[in-house]
Amino acid sequence: SRCTLFYLSFAQASCSKNTDARLAKHLPDPHPPGRFRVTGVLQNNAEFARVFQYPTDSFLNPSKK
């Protein structure tokens, strides 16, 4: 569906391979690594949980948003 493609492209935009060197370089950066940017947003998105049918209280669909 269009919603599925939207969320996949959103996540893919922040996709990266994290090596120790890359993570060390990222420490002074005020922005979180891509993984946390994606999960932080999607965990708080009820539409995402509905589209991908995540059960309530799962990692990507916590009840407290």
PDB file of N, CA and C in Angstrom:
ATOM      1  N   SER A   1       0.838  -1.182   0.000  1.00  0.00           N
ATOM      2  CA  SER A   1       0.000   0.000   0.000  1.00  0.00           C
ATOM      3  C   SER A   1       0.884   1.248   0.000  1.00  0.00           C
ATOM      4  N   ARG A   2       0.296   2.372  -0.236  1.00  0.00           N
ATOM      5  CA  ARG A   2       1.045   3.635  -0.215  1.00  0.00           C
ATOM      6  C   ARG A   2       1.593   3.932   1.174  1.00  0.00           C
ATOM      7  N   CYS A   3       0.809   3.622   2.183  1.00  0.00           N
ATOM      8  CA  CYS A   3       1.270   3.862   3.560  1.00  0.00           C
ATOM      9  C   CYS A   3       2.488   3.001   3.876  1.00  0.00           C
ATOM     10  N   THR A   4       2.458   1.747   3.468  1.00  0.00           N
ATOM     11  CA  THR A   4       3.593   0.854   3.697  1.00  0.00           C
ATOM     12  C   THR A   4       4.839   1.404   3.031  1.00  0.00           C
ATOM     13  N   LEU A   5       4.716   1.813   1.783  1.00  0.00           N
ATOM     14  CA  LEU A   5       5.861   2.366   1.059  1.00  0.00           C
ATOM     15  C   LEU A   5       6.372   3.649   1.709  1.00  0.00           C
ATOM     16  N   PHE A   6       5.463   4.459   2.205  1.00  0.00           N
ATOM     17  CA  PHE A   6       5.877   5.689   2.887  1.00  0.00           C
ATOM     18  C   PHE A   6       6.757   5.368   4.094  1.00  0.00           C
ATOM     19  N   TYR A   7       6.292   4.461   4.953  1.00  0.00           N
ATOM     20  CA  TYR A   7       7.051   4.141   6.159  1.00  0.00           C
ATOM     21  C   TYR A   7       8.370   3.445   5.832  1.00  0.00           C
ATOM     22  N   LEU A   8       8.379   2.590   4.822  1.00  0.00           N
ATOM     23  CA  LEU A   8       9.628   1.937   4.421  1.00  0.00           C
ATOM     24  C   LEU A   8      10.640   2.953   3.908  1.00  0.00           C
ATOM     25  N   SER A   9      10.187   3.896   3.101  1.00  0.00           N
ATOM     26  CA  SER A   9      11.118   4.905   2.580  1.00  0.00           C
ATOM     27  C   SER A   9      11.589   5.840   3.698  1.00  0.00           C
ATOM     28  N   PHE A  10      10.717   6.130   4.644  1.00  0.00           N
ATOM     29  CA  PHE A  10      11.105   6.945   5.800  1.00  0.00           C
ATOM     30  C   PHE A  10      12.244   6.273   6.570  1.00  0.00           C
ATOM     31  N   ALA A  11      12.092   4.985   6.837  1.00  0.00           N
ATOM     32  CA  ALA A  11      13.117   4.260   7.589  1.00  0.00           C
ATOM     33  C   ALA A  11      14.396   4.100   6.775  1.00  0.00           C
ATOM     34  N   GLN A  12      14.242   3.820   5.499  1.00  0.00           N
ATOM     35  CA  GLN A  12      15.412   3.600   4.648  1.00  0.00           C
ATOM     36  C   GLN A  12      16.274   4.859   4.533  1.00  0.00           C
ATOM     37  N   ALA A  13      15.670   6.006   4.611  1.00  0.00           N
ATOM     38  CA  ALA A  13      16.415   7.266   4.507  1.00  0.00           C
ATOM     39  C   ALA A  13      17.427   7.423   5.643  1.00  0.00           C
ATOM     40  N   SER A  14      17.196   6.766   6.765  1.00  0.00           N
ATOM     41  CA  SER A  14      18.115   6.854   7.906  1.00  0.00           C
ATOM     42  C   SER A  14      18.922   5.577   8.106  1.00  0.00           C
ATOM     43  N   CYS A  15      18.867   4.695   7.135  1.00  0.00           N
ATOM     44  CA  CYS A  15      19.564   3.412   7.232  1.00  0.00           C
ATOM     45  C   CYS A  15      21.071   3.610   7.063  1.00  0.00           C
ATOM     46  N   SER A  16      21.839   2.985   7.929  1.00  0.00           N
ATOM     47  CA  SER A  16      23.298   3.059   7.815  1.00  0.00           C
ATOM     48  C   SER A  16      23.922   1.881   8.550  1.00  0.00           C
ATOM     49  N   LYS A  17      25.160   1.596   8.199  1.00  0.00           N
ATOM     50  CA  LYS A  17      25.914   0.555   8.896  1.00  0.00           C
ATOM     51  C   LYS A  17      26.781   1.245   9.937  1.00  0.00           C
ATOM     52  N   ASN A  18      26.624   0.864  11.178  1.00  0.00           N
ATOM     53  CA  ASN A  18      27.374   1.504  12.255  1.00  0.00           C
ATOM     54  C   ASN A  18      28.595   0.679  12.631  1.00  0.00           C
ATOM     55  N   THR A  19      29.745   1.243  12.404  1.00  0.00           N
ATOM     56  CA  THR A  19      30.994   0.650  12.871  1.00  0.00           C
ATOM     57  C   THR A  19      31.400   1.375  14.148  1.00  0.00           C
ATOM     58  N   ASP A  20      32.365   0.821  14.860  1.00  0.00           N
ATOM     59  CA  ASP A  20      32.839   1.490  16.075  1.00  0.00           C
ATOM     60  C   ASP A  20      33.371   2.884  15.758  1.00  0.00           C
ATOM     61  N   ALA A  21      34.090   2.999  14.630  1.00  0.00           N
ATOM     62  CA  ALA A  21      34.648   4.299  14.238  1.00  0.00           C
ATOM     63  C   ALA A  21      33.538   5.302  13.937  1.00  0.00           C
ATOM     64  N   ARG A  22      32.508   4.842  13.263  1.00  0.00           N
ATOM     65  CA  ARG A  22      31.398   5.742  12.928  1.00  0.00           C
ATOM     66  C   ARG A  22      30.665   6.188  14.192  1.00  0.00           C
ATOM     67  N   LEU A  23      30.445   5.254  15.101  1.00  0.00           N
ATOM     68  CA  LEU A  23      29.756   5.601  16.347  1.00  0.00           C
ATOM     69  C   LEU A  23      30.588   6.569  17.185  1.00  0.00           C
ATOM     70  N   ALA A  24      31.903   6.378  17.219  1.00  0.00           N
ATOM     71  CA  ALA A  24      32.771   7.298  17.962  1.00  0.00           C
ATOM     72  C   ALA A  24      32.719   8.697  17.360  1.00  0.00           C
ATOM     73  N   LYS A  25      32.658   8.756  16.045  1.00  0.00           N
ATOM     74  CA  LYS A  25      32.576  10.045  15.351  1.00  0.00           C
ATOM     75  C   LYS A  25      31.234  10.730  15.636  1.00  0.00           C
ATOM     76  N   HIS A  26      30.221   9.930  15.911  1.00  0.00           N
ATOM     77  CA  HIS A  26      28.863  10.432  16.119  1.00  0.00           C
ATOM     78  C   HIS A  26      28.653  10.959  17.540  1.00  0.00           C
ATOM     79  N   LEU A  27      29.518  10.598  18.479  1.00  0.00           N
ATOM     80  CA  LEU A  27      29.324  10.982  19.887  1.00  0.00           C
ATOM     81  C   LEU A  27      29.115  12.474  20.111  1.00  0.00           C
ATOM     82  N   PRO A  28      29.898  13.362  19.504  1.00  0.00           N
ATOM     83  CA  PRO A  28      29.669  14.792  19.748  1.00  0.00           C
ATOM     84  C   PRO A  28      28.469  15.370  18.986  1.00  0.00           C
ATOM     85  N   ASP A  29      27.900  14.598  18.079  1.00  0.00           N
ATOM     86  CA  ASP A  29      26.761  15.066  17.284  1.00  0.00           C
ATOM     87  C   ASP A  29      25.529  15.174  18.182  1.00  0.00           C
ATOM     88  N   PRO A  30      24.795  16.281  18.142  1.00  0.00           N
ATOM     89  CA  PRO A  30      23.614  16.422  19.001  1.00  0.00           C
ATOM     90  C   PRO A  30      22.419  15.578  18.548  1.00  0.00           C
ATOM     91  N   HIS A  31      22.487  15.028  17.345  1.00  0.00           N
ATOM     92  CA  HIS A  31      21.377  14.229  16.826  1.00  0.00           C
ATOM     93  C   HIS A  31      21.605  12.747  17.109  1.00  0.00           C
ATOM     94  N   PRO A  32      20.539  12.017  17.401  1.00  0.00           N
ATOM     95  CA  PRO A  32      20.706  10.588  17.666  1.00  0.00           C
ATOM     96  C   PRO A  32      21.031   9.822  16.382  1.00  0.00           C
ATOM     97  N   PRO A  33      21.621   8.633  16.508  1.00  0.00           N
ATOM     98  CA  PRO A  33      21.860   7.799  15.324  1.00  0.00           C
ATOM     99  C   PRO A  33      20.542   7.463  14.625  1.00  0.00           C
ATOM    100  N   GLY A  34      20.632   7.123  13.348  1.00  0.00           N
ATOM    101  CA  GLY A  34      19.448   6.867  12.533  1.00  0.00           C
ATOM    102  C   GLY A  34      18.475   5.878  13.131  1.00  0.00           C
ATOM    103  N   ARG A  35      18.995   4.805  13.722  1.00  0.00           N
ATOM    104  CA  ARG A  35      18.110   3.790  14.299  1.00  0.00           C
ATOM    105  C   ARG A  35      17.150   4.404  15.313  1.00  0.00           C
ATOM    106  N   PHE A  36      17.673   5.278  16.158  1.00  0.00           N
ATOM    107  CA  PHE A  36      16.840   5.876  17.194  1.00  0.00           C
ATOM    108  C   PHE A  36      15.942   6.977  16.641  1.00  0.00           C
ATOM    109  N   ARG A  37      16.380   7.629  15.583  1.00  0.00           N
ATOM    110  CA  ARG A  37      15.515   8.619  14.921  1.00  0.00           C
ATOM    111  C   ARG A  37      14.284   7.935  14.356  1.00  0.00           C
ATOM    112  N   VAL A  38      14.496   6.776  13.761  1.00  0.00           N
ATOM    113  CA  VAL A  38      13.386   6.050  13.132  1.00  0.00           C
ATOM    114  C   VAL A  38      12.472   5.443  14.186  1.00  0.00           C
ATOM    115  N   THR A  39      13.031   4.663  15.110  1.00  0.00           N
ATOM    116  CA  THR A  39      12.169   3.999  16.091  1.00  0.00           C
ATOM    117  C   THR A  39      11.468   4.999  17.002  1.00  0.00           C
ATOM    118  N   GLY A  40      12.144   6.084  17.345  1.00  0.00           N
ATOM    119  CA  GLY A  40      11.512   7.094  18.195  1.00  0.00           C
ATOM    120  C   GLY A  40      10.276   7.701  17.564  1.00  0.00           C
ATOM    121  N   VAL A  41      10.355   7.960  16.273  1.00  0.00           N
ATOM    122  CA  VAL A  41       9.203   8.524  15.562  1.00  0.00           C
ATOM    123  C   VAL A  41       8.113   7.471  15.388  1.00  0.00           C
ATOM    124  N   LEU A  42       8.494   6.283  14.927  1.00  0.00           N
ATOM    125  CA  LEU A  42       7.494   5.267  14.606  1.00  0.00           C
ATOM    126  C   LEU A  42       6.813   4.695  15.843  1.00  0.00           C
ATOM    127  N   GLN A  43       7.513   4.629  16.956  1.00  0.00           N
ATOM    128  CA  GLN A  43       6.884   4.147  18.189  1.00  0.00           C
ATOM    129  C   GLN A  43       5.748   5.060  18.633  1.00  0.00           C
ATOM    130  N   ASN A  44       5.786   6.294  18.224  1.00  0.00           N
ATOM    131  CA  ASN A  44       4.769   7.265  18.628  1.00  0.00           C
ATOM    132  C   ASN A  44       3.734   7.523  17.546  1.00  0.00           C
ATOM    133  N   ASN A  45       3.676   6.648  16.556  1.00  0.00           N
ATOM    134  CA  ASN A  45       2.787   6.848  15.422  1.00  0.00           C
ATOM    135  C   ASN A  45       1.758   5.719  15.362  1.00  0.00           C
ATOM    136  N   ALA A  46       0.535   6.013  15.763  1.00  0.00           N
ATOM    137  CA  ALA A  46      -0.528   5.007  15.790  1.00  0.00           C
ATOM    138  C   ALA A  46      -0.842   4.473  14.392  1.00  0.00           C
ATOM    139  N   GLU A  47      -0.753   5.321  13.383  1.00  0.00           N
ATOM    140  CA  GLU A  47      -1.030   4.886  12.013  1.00  0.00           C
ATOM    141  C   GLU A  47      -0.004   3.849  11.557  1.00  0.00           C
ATOM    142  N   PHE A  48       1.249   4.035  11.911  1.00  0.00           N
ATOM    143  CA  PHE A  48       2.294   3.058  11.587  1.00  0.00           C
ATOM    144  C   PHE A  48       1.951   1.703  12.207  1.00  0.00           C
ATOM    145  N   ALA A  49       1.590   1.699  13.476  1.00  0.00           N
ATOM    146  CA  ALA A  49       1.243   0.452  14.166  1.00  0.00           C
ATOM    147  C   ALA A  49       0.045  -0.222  13.509  1.00  0.00           C
ATOM    148  N   ARG A  50      -0.908   0.569  13.065  1.00  0.00           N
ATOM    149  CA  ARG A  50      -2.085   0.001  12.404  1.00  0.00           C
ATOM    150  C   ARG A  50      -1.706  -0.611  11.065  1.00  0.00           C
ATOM    151  N   VAL A  51      -0.935   0.113  10.266  1.00  0.00           N
ATOM    152  CA  VAL A  51      -0.562  -0.356   8.927  1.00  0.00           C
ATOM    153  C   VAL A  51       0.218  -1.668   9.003  1.00  0.00           C
ATOM    154  N   PHE A  52       1.154  -1.756   9.953  1.00  0.00           N
ATOM    155  CA  PHE A  52       1.984  -2.958  10.062  1.00  0.00           C
ATOM    156  C   PHE A  52       1.443  -3.965  11.078  1.00  0.00           C
ATOM    157  N   GLN A  53       0.282  -3.674  11.647  1.00  0.00           N
ATOM    158  CA  GLN A  53      -0.434  -4.569  12.556  1.00  0.00           C
ATOM    159  C   GLN A  53       0.410  -4.997  13.764  1.00  0.00           C
ATOM    160  N   TYR A  54       1.090  -4.025  14.370  1.00  0.00           N
ATOM    161  CA  TYR A  54       1.841  -4.312  15.588  1.00  0.00           C
ATOM    162  C   TYR A  54       0.874  -4.370  16.757  1.00  0.00           C
ATOM    163  N   PRO A  55       0.985  -5.401  17.584  1.00  0.00           N
ATOM    164  CA  PRO A  55       0.096  -5.473  18.748  1.00  0.00           C
ATOM    165  C   PRO A  55       0.432  -4.382  19.767  1.00  0.00           C
ATOM    166  N   THR A  56      -0.553  -3.985  20.521  1.00  0.00           N
ATOM    167  CA  THR A  56      -0.346  -2.997  21.576  1.00  0.00           C
ATOM    168  C   THR A  56       0.683  -3.525  22.568  1.00  0.00           C
ATOM    169  N   ASP A  57       1.523  -2.649  23.033  1.00  0.00           N
ATOM    170  CA  ASP A  57       2.597  -2.948  23.981  1.00  0.00           C
ATOM    171  C   ASP A  57       3.758  -3.734  23.375  1.00  0.00           C
ATOM    172  N   SER A  58       3.837  -3.786  22.047  1.00  0.00           N
ATOM    173  CA  SER A  58       5.028  -4.350  21.407  1.00  0.00           C
ATOM    174  C   SER A  58       6.073  -3.240  21.304  1.00  0.00           C
ATOM    175  N   PHE A  59       7.295  -3.589  20.917  1.00  0.00           N
ATOM    176  CA  PHE A  59       8.384  -2.611  20.874  1.00  0.00           C
ATOM    177  C   PHE A  59       8.039  -1.397  20.015  1.00  0.00           C
ATOM    178  N   LEU A  60       7.444  -1.616  18.856  1.00  0.00           N
ATOM    179  CA  LEU A  60       7.129  -0.504  17.955  1.00  0.00           C
ATOM    180  C   LEU A  60       5.707   0.031  18.130  1.00  0.00           C
ATOM    181  N   ASN A  61       4.996  -0.456  19.133  1.00  0.00           N
ATOM    182  CA  ASN A  61       3.659   0.068  19.415  1.00  0.00           C
ATOM    183  C   ASN A  61       3.400   0.080  20.923  1.00  0.00           C
ATOM    184  N   PRO A  62       4.168   0.883  21.658  1.00  0.00           N
ATOM    185  CA  PRO A  62       3.923   0.949  23.101  1.00  0.00           C
ATOM    186  C   PRO A  62       2.576   1.619  23.380  1.00  0.00           C
ATOM    187  N   SER A  63       1.937   1.224  24.457  1.00  0.00           N
ATOM    188  CA  SER A  63       0.633   1.819  24.767  1.00  0.00           C
ATOM    189  C   SER A  63       0.780   3.279  25.193  1.00  0.00           C
ATOM    190  N   LYS A  64       1.894   3.611  25.838  1.00  0.00           N
ATOM    191  CA  LYS A  64       2.136   4.997  26.244  1.00  0.00           C
ATOM    192  C   LYS A  64       2.935   5.693  25.147  1.00  0.00           C
ATOM    193  N   LYS A  65       2.285   6.607  24.453  1.00  0.00           N
ATOM    194  CA  LYS A  65       2.924   7.301  23.332  1.00  0.00           C
ATOM    195  C   LYS A  65       3.198   8.739  23.698  1.00  0.00           C
TER     196      LYS A  65
END
